[in-house]
Amino acid sequence: MEAAKIKIVSVQSGNWEIDKGNAVASAMLNEYPDLKALLAGNDSMALGAVSAVRAAGKVGAVQVVGYDNIKAIQPMLRDGRVLA
């Protein structure tokens, strides 16, 4: 991350769940208003993060990355709401 000049401002657990991922992402968006991206450890938490980004009015300003490629995330990959 250092070589890419990416600063990690926080590492928190969403307990692999959509609702907890949403709560954690919402808190991070409030605490770090200039946040550029959220990296979720699985797609369930990424789904929650997408909702948090939308609720914060930061669609397009904050990128979301997930992991697992579950069926529910695939439309979001296609339309750009999630990067990977």
Protein backbone atom coordinates (compact mmCIF):
# COMPACT_ATOMS: atom_id res chain seq x y z
CA MET A 1 0.00 0.00 0.00
CA GLU A 2 2.85 2.34 0.80
CA ALA A 3 4.34 1.98 -2.69
CA ALA A 4 0.96 2.90 -4.19
CA LYS A 5 0.73 5.87 -1.79
CA ILE A 6 -2.46 4.49 -0.28
CA LYS A 7 -3.01 5.42 3.35
CA ILE A 8 -5.02 2.97 5.45
CA VAL A 9 -6.97 5.06 7.96
CA SER A 10 -8.85 2.29 9.76
CA VAL A 11 -9.25 -1.48 9.95
CA GLN A 12 -12.54 -2.69 11.43
CA SER A 13 -14.57 -5.88 11.37
CA GLY A 14 -17.99 -6.20 9.80
CA ASN A 15 -18.26 -9.76 11.11
CA TRP A 16 -18.85 -11.01 7.55
CA GLU A 17 -22.43 -9.62 7.64
CA ILE A 18 -24.30 -7.12 5.47
CA ASP A 19 -25.80 -5.13 8.37
CA LYS A 20 -22.56 -4.94 10.32
CA GLY A 21 -20.66 -4.04 7.14
CA ASN A 22 -23.14 -1.22 6.61
CA ALA A 23 -22.72 0.05 10.18
CA VAL A 24 -18.93 -0.05 10.02
CA ALA A 25 -18.82 1.62 6.60
CA SER A 26 -21.25 4.33 7.74
CA ALA A 27 -19.12 5.07 10.79
CA MET A 28 -15.96 5.21 8.68
CA LEU A 29 -17.58 7.54 6.15
CA ASN A 30 -18.59 9.86 8.98
CA GLU A 31 -15.19 9.75 10.67
CA TYR A 32 -13.19 10.13 7.45
CA PRO A 33 -15.18 12.42 5.12
CA ASP A 34 -12.41 12.38 2.49
CA LEU A 35 -12.33 8.57 2.31
CA LYS A 36 -11.75 7.33 -1.24
CA ALA A 37 -12.40 3.59 -0.91
CA LEU A 38 -13.71 0.81 1.30
CA LEU A 39 -12.17 -2.66 1.04
CA ALA A 40 -14.43 -5.38 2.43
CA GLY A 41 -13.17 -8.85 3.31
CA ASN A 42 -16.20 -10.46 1.67
CA ASP A 43 -19.07 -9.50 -0.61
CA SER A 44 -21.68 -9.51 2.14
CA MET A 45 -19.86 -6.68 3.90
CA ALA A 46 -19.35 -4.99 0.53
CA LEU A 47 -23.14 -5.03 0.00
CA GLY A 48 -23.49 -3.21 3.30
CA ALA A 49 -20.76 -0.76 2.32
CA VAL A 50 -22.52 0.03 -0.98
CA SER A 51 -25.66 0.91 0.97
CA ALA A 52 -23.64 3.10 3.34
CA VAL A 53 -21.99 4.93 0.45
CA ARG A 54 -25.38 5.56 -1.15
CA ALA A 55 -26.90 6.77 2.14
CA ALA A 56 -23.96 9.14 2.65
CA GLY A 57 -24.49 10.62 -0.83
CA LYS A 58 -21.01 9.56 -1.91
CA VAL A 59 -21.78 7.34 -4.90
CA GLY A 60 -18.93 7.80 -7.37
CA ALA A 61 -16.72 9.49 -4.77
CA VAL A 62 -16.05 6.39 -2.65
CA GLN A 63 -15.13 3.10 -4.33
CA VAL A 64 -16.15 -0.24 -2.81
CA VAL A 65 -14.19 -3.47 -3.25
CA GLY A 66 -15.47 -6.85 -2.12
CA TYR A 67 -14.28 -10.42 -2.30
CA ASP A 68 -16.05 -13.69 -3.17
CA ASN A 69 -18.13 -12.86 -6.28
CA ILE A 70 -21.42 -13.96 -4.73
CA LYS A 71 -24.49 -13.80 -6.92
CA ALA A 72 -25.94 -10.73 -5.17
CA ILE A 73 -22.86 -8.63 -5.95
CA GLN A 74 -22.65 -9.44 -9.67
CA PRO A 75 -25.09 -6.72 -10.87
CA MET A 76 -23.08 -4.20 -8.84
CA LEU A 77 -19.88 -5.32 -10.53
CA ARG A 78 -21.51 -4.83 -13.91
CA ASP A 79 -22.83 -1.34 -13.17
CA GLY A 80 -19.74 -0.13 -11.29
CA ARG A 81 -21.10 0.13 -7.76
CA VAL A 82 -18.43 -2.41 -6.75
CA LEU A 83 -14.99 -2.66 -8.34
CA ALA A 84 -14.04 -6.26 -7.58
